[in-house]
């Protein structure tokens, strides 16, 4: 087996690992509200979400095409160099996903992936190697604009939906209303999971497609191979079934105290926006969309919204692209300096070591089905109480540089 083929296999395995982390990182987007309101048991929720993510991955390849052809200028790079760009970008995305998961922080796996690839591309090709804006393609049109609009639109749609729901049911018994809407949440949460598969699984497909083009196995205009679609679908479904309980707890309990009518409105709004974006090939952040929808339910009901928590999330979103980009660029420089198969092996070993370290740190204060709905009472106006877990996370705050305060205060909540 040639060194080039071995590097391709390493890249594909790394892409599927990213897809796996994407699955457990984003389970909260679909199921946090249903778990928080009791509409679904935690294990049932993640199993249902996993199956629907698997199905959704086969419904569209528009987003995959955007990732494969809309970020890196393929006419300026090919072969081994493109493989290393893709590989370094994936490592940057995985590291950020695991770090934010450790801190219980809902952040965008999509933007982590894009940031990693952009950072590696800048390190390799310079500023002109990235398609910043080119007609309907490019980072600005396909990534930045949807990132800004998605949470705002989701919040507005969700707020209107929540307001209408409570007005329509204002004369009904609250117990019966909540019970009925819990059943409705099963359907709306399922729709979010299906939509998530149509959007997020596609991104990894696009990355693997890029790697295959770099290797010469595919041409840029070829169709997406079925085995790529199937492997990505299985990887994201497996990650979803694992359940990102730390993030589910943050998103389900940290921003707004949600009732079943709010959960239905939030999930319906999120699913509608994600499916629309998938149809137009816009790889938006499902995390930002889901968070915007949950925020909108609090506004629509007139309930308490923890704006400081929302502010910390927003700062983390701003950090995702550049932070993953820095890691992606650093990994490209390490791999490129060492060179060849050895360089790829060293970067992969770094990824394994960092992943193992973060997993072991997480075991000091595990979050699972037994405590996913446990949340400390508010300790100060507009803020959430901290527990021993928060103290533990603060000890590693330097790992997240300027964004560490965001995750450290959220993760223990």
Protein backbone atom coordinates (compact mmCIF):
# COMPACT_ATOMS: atom_id res chain seq x y z
CA UNK A 1 0.00 0.00 0.00
CA UNK A 2 1.43 3.39 -1.02
CA UNK A 3 2.05 6.23 1.43
CA UNK A 4 -0.44 8.41 -0.46
CA UNK A 5 -3.19 5.83 -0.03
CA UNK A 6 -2.38 5.45 3.67
CA UNK A 7 -2.68 9.22 4.12
CA UNK A 8 -6.05 9.13 2.31
CA UNK A 9 -7.26 6.40 4.69
CA UNK A 10 -6.11 8.44 7.70
CA UNK A 11 -8.01 11.46 6.37
CA UNK A 12 -11.19 9.42 5.80
CA UNK A 13 -11.00 7.89 9.29
CA UNK A 14 -10.44 11.35 10.79
CA UNK A 15 -13.44 12.70 8.85
CA UNK A 16 -15.65 9.94 10.22
CA UNK A 17 -14.36 10.66 13.73
CA UNK A 18 -15.36 14.29 13.24
CA UNK A 19 -18.78 13.11 12.04
CA UNK A 20 -19.09 11.04 15.20
CA UNK A 21 -18.23 14.02 17.43
CA UNK A 22 -20.66 16.12 15.40
CA UNK A 23 -23.38 13.61 16.27
CA UNK A 24 -22.97 13.62 20.05
CA UNK A 25 -22.16 17.34 20.11
CA UNK A 26 -25.40 18.22 18.34
CA UNK A 27 -27.83 15.72 19.87
CA UNK A 28 -28.93 18.56 22.13
CA UNK A 29 -30.18 20.56 19.15
CA UNK A 30 -32.97 18.07 18.53
CA UNK A 31 -33.61 16.48 21.90
CA UNK A 32 -32.64 18.87 24.71
CA UNK A 33 -36.10 20.44 24.99
CA UNK A 34 -37.93 17.11 24.77
CA UNK A 35 -35.74 15.65 27.50
CA UNK A 36 -36.08 18.79 29.64
CA UNK A 37 -39.90 18.76 29.48
CA UNK A 38 -40.18 15.00 29.97
CA UNK A 39 -41.72 14.39 26.56
CA UNK A 40 -39.12 11.69 25.92
CA UNK A 41 -36.93 9.62 28.20
CA UNK A 42 -33.25 10.42 27.65
CA UNK A 43 -32.24 7.05 26.17
CA UNK A 44 -35.33 6.90 23.98
CA UNK A 45 -34.66 10.43 22.76
CA UNK A 46 -31.09 9.77 21.62
CA UNK A 47 -32.05 6.46 19.99
CA UNK A 48 -34.86 8.12 18.02
CA UNK A 49 -32.58 10.99 17.04
CA UNK A 50 -29.88 8.58 15.86
CA UNK A 51 -32.25 6.70 13.56
CA UNK A 52 -33.62 9.89 12.01
CA UNK A 53 -30.14 11.38 11.55
CA UNK A 54 -29.26 8.23 9.66
CA UNK A 55 -32.28 8.60 7.37
CA UNK A 56 -31.81 12.35 6.88
CA UNK A 57 -28.25 11.91 5.68
CA UNK A 58 -29.52 10.25 2.48
CA UNK A 59 -32.13 12.89 1.59
CA UNK A 60 -29.90 15.59 0.06
CA UNK A 61 -26.33 16.31 -1.07
CA UNK A 62 -26.67 20.04 -1.68
CA UNK A 63 -24.79 20.98 1.49
CA UNK A 64 -22.07 18.44 0.70
CA UNK A 65 -21.52 20.10 -2.66
CA UNK A 66 -21.07 23.48 -0.96
CA UNK A 67 -18.43 22.09 1.42
CA UNK A 68 -16.61 20.20 -1.34
CA UNK A 69 -16.47 23.02 -3.86
CA UNK A 70 -17.28 26.31 -2.12
CA UNK A 71 -14.42 26.94 0.35
CA UNK A 72 -11.02 25.98 -1.09
CA UNK A 73 -9.91 27.10 -4.56
CA UNK A 74 -9.39 23.67 -6.07
CA UNK A 75 -7.64 25.16 -9.10
CA UNK A 76 -4.76 26.26 -6.83
CA UNK A 77 -4.13 23.03 -4.95
CA UNK A 78 -4.40 19.30 -5.52
CA UNK A 79 -2.94 15.97 -4.54
CA UNK A 80 -0.92 15.63 -1.38
CA UNK A 81 -1.22 19.32 -0.43
CA UNK A 82 -5.02 19.27 -0.60
CA UNK A 83 -5.12 16.07 1.45
CA UNK A 84 -3.09 17.74 4.19
CA UNK A 85 -5.36 20.81 4.16
CA UNK A 86 -8.42 18.63 4.63
CA UNK A 87 -6.72 16.52 7.31
CA UNK A 88 -5.47 19.51 9.33
CA UNK A 89 -8.88 21.18 9.11
CA UNK A 90 -10.57 18.06 10.46
CA UNK A 91 -8.19 17.86 13.39
CA UNK A 92 -8.90 21.50 14.26
CA UNK A 93 -12.64 20.84 14.17
CA UNK A 94 -12.45 17.70 16.32
CA UNK A 95 -10.29 19.38 18.97
CA UNK A 96 -12.72 22.30 19.25
CA UNK A 97 -15.73 19.96 19.37
CA UNK A 98 -14.23 17.93 22.20
CA UNK A 99 -13.08 21.00 24.11
CA UNK A 100 -16.49 22.67 24.00
CA UNK A 101 -18.15 19.36 24.89
CA UNK A 102 -15.87 19.09 27.93
CA UNK A 103 -17.04 22.52 29.04
CA UNK A 104 -20.68 21.67 28.30
CA UNK A 105 -20.80 24.50 25.79
CA UNK A 106 -23.17 24.40 22.79
CA UNK A 107 -21.07 25.53 19.84
CA UNK A 108 -21.22 24.96 16.12
CA UNK A 109 -19.61 21.79 14.79
CA UNK A 110 -20.18 23.22 11.31
CA UNK A 111 -18.22 26.37 11.99
CA UNK A 112 -15.51 24.35 13.70
CA UNK A 113 -15.11 22.33 10.50
CA UNK A 114 -15.14 25.39 8.26
CA UNK A 115 -12.75 27.22 10.58
CA UNK A 116 -10.32 24.31 10.61
CA UNK A 117 -10.30 24.03 6.81
CA UNK A 118 -10.01 27.78 6.32
CA UNK A 119 -7.12 27.97 8.79
CA UNK A 120 -5.26 25.12 7.09
CA UNK A 121 -5.89 26.68 3.68
CA UNK A 122 -4.54 30.05 4.81
CA UNK A 123 -1.42 28.38 6.19
CA UNK A 124 -0.92 26.48 2.94
CA UNK A 125 -2.08 28.81 0.16
CA UNK A 126 -2.46 32.20 1.76
CA UNK A 127 -5.42 34.56 1.62
CA UNK A 128 -6.26 33.90 -2.01
CA UNK A 129 -6.58 30.16 -1.47
CA UNK A 130 -9.97 30.60 0.20
CA UNK A 131 -13.12 31.39 -1.78
CA UNK A 132 -14.29 34.37 0.28
CA UNK A 133 -17.01 35.52 -2.12
CA UNK A 134 -17.68 34.39 -5.66
CA UNK A 135 -21.21 34.78 -6.92
CA UNK A 136 -23.39 32.34 -4.99
CA UNK A 137 -20.38 30.50 -3.55
CA UNK A 138 -17.82 31.41 -0.93
CA UNK A 139 -17.38 31.78 2.80
CA UNK A 140 -19.30 35.06 3.05
CA UNK A 141 -22.38 33.89 1.15
CA UNK A 142 -22.58 30.29 2.28
CA UNK A 143 -21.27 30.49 5.86
CA UNK A 144 -21.11 33.98 7.39
CA UNK A 145 -24.49 35.29 6.23
CA UNK A 146 -26.42 32.16 7.31
CA UNK A 147 -24.55 32.20 10.65
CA UNK A 148 -25.79 35.72 11.35
CA UNK A 149 -29.34 35.27 10.09
CA UNK A 150 -30.19 31.75 11.30
CA UNK A 151 -30.41 32.37 15.08
CA UNK A 152 -32.21 35.69 14.60
CA UNK A 153 -34.79 34.27 12.21
CA UNK A 154 -35.20 31.18 14.39
CA UNK A 155 -35.80 33.33 17.48
CA UNK A 156 -38.41 35.45 15.68
CA UNK A 157 -40.28 32.46 14.24
CA UNK A 158 -40.18 30.64 17.57
CA UNK A 159 -41.33 33.71 19.52
CA UNK A 160 -44.34 34.20 17.24
CA UNK A 161 -45.18 30.49 17.40
CA UNK A 162 -44.94 30.44 21.20
CA UNK A 163 -47.10 33.54 21.54
CA UNK A 164 -49.78 32.02 19.30
CA UNK A 165 -49.71 28.69 21.14
CA UNK A 166 -50.27 30.27 24.55
CA UNK A 167 -52.99 32.55 23.26
CA UNK A 168 -54.87 29.69 21.61
CA UNK A 169 -54.65 27.53 24.75
CA UNK A 170 -55.06 30.24 27.40
CA UNK A 171 -58.52 29.01 28.45
CA UNK A 172 -57.50 25.35 28.64
CA UNK A 173 -56.30 23.47 31.69
CA UNK A 174 -52.54 23.81 31.85
CA UNK A 175 -51.98 20.17 32.83
CA UNK A 176 -53.88 18.89 29.80
CA UNK A 177 -52.16 21.39 27.52
CA UNK A 178 -48.69 20.28 28.66
CA UNK A 179 -49.62 16.62 28.31
CA UNK A 180 -50.91 17.14 24.77
CA UNK A 181 -47.92 19.15 23.69
CA UNK A 182 -45.56 16.51 25.00
CA UNK A 183 -46.96 14.18 22.35
CA UNK A 184 -46.52 16.92 19.76
CA UNK A 185 -42.91 17.35 20.83
CA UNK A 186 -42.13 13.79 19.83
CA UNK A 187 -43.04 14.66 16.26
CA UNK A 188 -41.30 18.04 16.21
CA UNK A 189 -38.11 16.70 17.82
CA UNK A 190 -38.07 13.89 15.27
CA UNK A 191 -38.32 16.47 12.50
CA UNK A 192 -35.33 18.37 13.89
CA UNK A 193 -33.29 15.15 13.95
CA UNK A 194 -34.24 14.40 10.36
CA UNK A 195 -33.33 17.94 9.35
CA UNK A 196 -30.03 17.67 11.21
CA UNK A 197 -29.11 14.63 9.14
CA UNK A 198 -29.85 16.49 5.90
CA UNK A 199 -27.49 19.30 6.90
CA UNK A 200 -24.70 18.18 9.24
CA UNK A 201 -23.95 14.72 7.84
CA UNK A 202 -23.53 16.36 4.44
CA UNK A 203 -20.58 18.39 5.64
CA UNK A 204 -18.47 15.35 6.33
CA UNK A 205 -19.49 13.90 2.98
CA UNK A 206 -18.16 17.04 1.36
CA UNK A 207 -14.86 16.76 3.22
CA UNK A 208 -14.35 13.12 2.21
CA UNK A 209 -15.25 14.07 -1.36
CA UNK A 210 -12.50 16.72 -1.22
CA UNK A 211 -10.02 14.11 -0.01
CA UNK A 212 -10.98 11.72 -2.81
CA UNK A 213 -10.56 14.50 -5.37
CA UNK A 214 -7.14 15.29 -3.89
CA UNK A 215 -6.12 11.65 -4.16
CA UNK A 216 -7.34 11.47 -7.76
CA UNK A 217 -10.02 8.88 -7.03
CA UNK A 218 -12.75 11.33 -8.10
CA UNK A 219 -13.08 14.33 -10.37
CA UNK A 220 -14.51 17.59 -8.94
CA UNK A 221 -17.77 17.18 -10.91
CA UNK A 222 -18.39 13.52 -10.05
CA UNK A 223 -21.43 12.44 -8.06
CA UNK A 224 -21.19 11.64 -4.36
CA UNK A 225 -20.34 7.92 -3.95
CA UNK A 226 -22.93 5.86 -2.09
CA UNK A 227 -20.33 4.44 0.31
CA UNK A 228 -19.39 7.95 1.39
CA UNK A 229 -23.03 8.79 2.11
CA UNK A 230 -23.58 5.54 4.01
CA UNK A 231 -20.44 5.76 6.15
CA UNK A 232 -21.15 9.39 7.11
CA UNK A 233 -24.76 8.55 7.94
CA UNK A 234 -23.71 5.68 10.21
CA UNK A 235 -20.98 7.75 11.93
CA UNK A 236 -23.24 10.68 12.80
CA UNK A 237 -26.03 8.33 13.92
CA UNK A 238 -23.62 6.45 16.21
CA UNK A 239 -22.41 9.71 17.74
CA UNK A 240 -25.98 10.88 18.24
CA UNK A 241 -26.89 7.66 20.04
CA UNK A 242 -23.94 8.14 22.40
CA UNK A 243 -25.62 11.36 23.55
CA UNK A 244 -23.76 14.57 24.34
CA UNK A 245 -25.24 14.78 27.83
CA UNK A 246 -23.13 17.69 29.01
CA UNK A 247 -24.41 19.88 26.18
CA UNK A 248 -27.97 18.55 26.44
CA UNK A 249 -28.02 19.71 30.05
CA UNK A 250 -26.72 23.16 29.16
CA UNK A 251 -29.10 23.75 26.27
CA UNK A 252 -32.14 22.14 27.88
CA UNK A 253 -31.85 23.78 31.28
CA UNK A 254 -29.51 26.75 31.09
CA UNK A 255 -31.15 29.33 28.86
CA UNK A 256 -34.91 29.19 29.48
CA UNK A 257 -37.12 27.10 31.74
CA UNK A 258 -39.08 25.34 29.01
CA UNK A 259 -42.61 23.93 29.07
CA UNK A 260 -43.95 21.54 26.44
CA UNK A 261 -45.74 24.21 24.31
CA UNK A 262 -42.47 26.14 24.11
CA UNK A 263 -40.57 22.98 23.20
CA UNK A 264 -42.93 22.26 20.32
CA UNK A 265 -42.64 25.83 19.01
CA UNK A 266 -38.84 25.82 19.28
CA UNK A 267 -38.38 22.46 17.57
CA UNK A 268 -40.81 23.27 14.77
CA UNK A 269 -39.10 26.58 14.05
CA UNK A 270 -35.64 24.99 14.08
CA UNK A 271 -36.64 22.11 11.81
CA UNK A 272 -38.26 24.44 9.27
CA UNK A 273 -35.19 26.65 9.02
CA UNK A 274 -32.71 23.76 8.84
CA UNK A 275 -34.68 21.96 6.13
CA UNK A 276 -34.99 25.17 4.12
CA UNK A 277 -31.25 25.79 4.35
CA UNK A 278 -30.49 22.21 3.30
CA UNK A 279 -32.68 22.65 0.22
CA UNK A 280 -30.67 25.70 -0.85
CA UNK A 281 -27.32 24.14 0.06
CA UNK A 282 -26.63 26.49 2.97
CA UNK A 283 -24.50 24.74 5.63
CA UNK A 284 -25.82 26.72 8.57
CA UNK A 285 -25.15 25.95 12.23
CA UNK A 286 -27.91 23.74 13.64
CA UNK A 287 -26.64 24.66 17.12
CA UNK A 288 -27.19 28.36 16.56
CA UNK A 289 -30.57 27.71 14.97
CA UNK A 290 -31.74 25.51 17.86
CA UNK A 291 -30.43 27.98 20.45
CA UNK A 292 -32.16 30.88 18.71
CA UNK A 293 -35.41 28.92 18.72
CA UNK A 294 -35.16 28.19 22.44
CA UNK A 295 -34.40 31.86 23.12
CA UNK A 296 -37.46 32.81 21.08
CA UNK A 297 -39.74 30.66 23.22
CA UNK A 298 -38.72 32.59 26.30
CA UNK A 299 -39.36 35.90 24.54
CA UNK A 300 -42.70 34.71 23.16
CA UNK A 301 -43.93 33.51 26.54
CA UNK A 302 -42.56 36.51 28.38
CA UNK A 303 -40.56 34.17 30.61
CA UNK A 304 -37.20 34.76 32.19
CA UNK A 305 -34.32 34.50 29.73
CA UNK A 306 -30.83 34.18 31.16
CA UNK A 307 -29.23 36.79 28.94
CA UNK A 308 -25.78 36.41 30.46
CA UNK A 309 -25.81 32.76 29.45
CA UNK A 310 -26.95 33.76 25.96
CA UNK A 311 -24.17 36.33 25.82
CA UNK A 312 -21.54 33.77 26.72
CA UNK A 313 -22.86 31.43 24.04
CA UNK A 314 -22.70 34.22 21.47
CA UNK A 315 -19.08 34.99 22.37
CA UNK A 316 -18.25 31.30 22.01
CA UNK A 317 -19.84 31.28 18.56
CA UNK A 318 -17.60 34.17 17.54
CA UNK A 319 -14.55 32.26 18.76
CA UNK A 320 -15.34 28.99 16.96
CA UNK A 321 -14.15 29.87 13.44
CA UNK A 322 -10.87 31.53 14.48
CA UNK A 323 -10.07 29.02 17.25
CA UNK A 324 -10.57 25.98 15.02
CA UNK A 325 -8.71 27.87 12.29
CA UNK A 326 -5.66 28.36 14.52
CA UNK A 327 -5.57 24.64 15.38
CA UNK A 328 -6.05 23.72 11.71
CA UNK A 329 -3.23 26.01 10.64
CA UNK A 330 -0.92 24.68 13.38
CA UNK A 331 -1.63 21.08 12.41
CA UNK A 332 -0.93 21.84 8.75
CA UNK A 333 2.39 23.45 9.67
CA UNK A 334 3.41 20.46 11.83
CA UNK A 335 2.41 17.92 9.20
CA UNK A 336 3.94 19.90 6.35
CA UNK A 337 7.21 20.50 8.20
CA UNK A 338 7.69 16.82 9.04
CA UNK A 339 6.28 15.75 5.69
CA UNK A 340 4.74 12.66 4.18
CA UNK A 341 3.19 9.78 6.05
CA UNK A 342 5.24 10.51 9.18
CA UNK A 343 3.83 14.04 9.32
CA UNK A 344 0.27 12.74 9.05
CA UNK A 345 1.01 10.15 11.72
CA UNK A 346 2.39 12.75 14.14
CA UNK A 347 -0.65 15.01 13.73
CA UNK A 348 -2.98 12.03 14.18
CA UNK A 349 -1.08 11.03 17.34
CA UNK A 350 -1.52 14.58 18.69
CA UNK A 351 -5.25 14.31 18.02
CA UNK A 352 -5.48 10.97 19.85
CA UNK A 353 -3.54 12.32 22.84
CA UNK A 354 -5.66 15.45 23.15
CA UNK A 355 -8.88 13.45 22.77
CA UNK A 356 -7.83 10.99 25.48
CA UNK A 357 -6.87 13.84 27.81
CA UNK A 358 -10.24 15.58 27.43
CA UNK A 359 -12.15 12.34 27.87
CA UNK A 360 -10.30 11.55 31.10
CA UNK A 361 -10.95 15.08 32.37
CA UNK A 362 -14.66 14.65 31.67
CA UNK A 363 -14.81 11.52 33.86
CA UNK A 364 -14.06 13.60 36.95
CA UNK A 365 -17.62 14.85 36.82
CA UNK A 366 -19.68 12.63 34.49
CA UNK A 367 -23.00 13.75 33.08
CA UNK A 368 -25.45 11.14 31.84
CA UNK A 369 -29.06 10.06 31.86
CA UNK A 370 -29.02 10.04 35.67
CA UNK A 371 -28.39 13.78 36.02
CA UNK A 372 -29.01 15.40 32.63
CA UNK A 373 -32.06 17.26 33.99
CA UNK A 374 -30.43 18.34 37.25
CA UNK A 375 -29.57 22.03 37.31
CA UNK A 376 -28.39 24.16 40.27
CA UNK A 377 -30.59 27.01 41.36
CA UNK A 378 -29.75 30.49 40.19
CA UNK A 379 -27.07 31.94 42.44
CA UNK A 380 -27.21 35.57 41.37
CA UNK A 381 -29.47 37.82 39.35
CA UNK A 382 -29.27 36.90 35.69
CA UNK A 383 -26.67 34.21 36.29
CA UNK A 384 -26.62 30.52 37.17
CA UNK A 385 -25.17 28.89 40.27
CA UNK A 386 -21.94 27.01 40.11
CA UNK A 387 -21.13 23.61 41.49
CA UNK A 388 -17.98 21.67 42.19
CA UNK A 389 -17.87 20.83 38.50
CA UNK A 390 -17.52 24.48 37.63
CA UNK A 391 -14.60 24.75 40.02
CA UNK A 392 -12.97 21.80 38.29
CA UNK A 393 -13.50 23.35 34.87
CA UNK A 394 -12.06 26.65 35.99
CA UNK A 395 -8.79 24.90 36.70
CA UNK A 396 -8.50 24.24 32.98
CA UNK A 397 -9.76 27.62 31.86
CA UNK A 398 -6.50 28.55 30.23
CA UNK A 399 -7.19 25.85 27.61
CA UNK A 400 -9.86 28.00 26.08
CA UNK A 401 -8.00 31.30 26.20
CA UNK A 402 -10.44 34.19 25.92
CA UNK A 403 -13.41 31.85 25.61
CA UNK A 404 -12.66 29.86 28.75
CA UNK A 405 -14.92 31.85 31.03
CA UNK A 406 -17.84 31.03 28.82
CA UNK A 407 -17.47 27.29 29.05
CA UNK A 408 -16.30 27.17 32.66
CA UNK A 409 -19.36 28.86 34.04
CA UNK A 410 -21.76 26.94 31.85
CA UNK A 411 -20.38 23.44 32.13
CA UNK A 412 -21.09 23.00 35.80
CA UNK A 413 -24.63 24.24 35.55
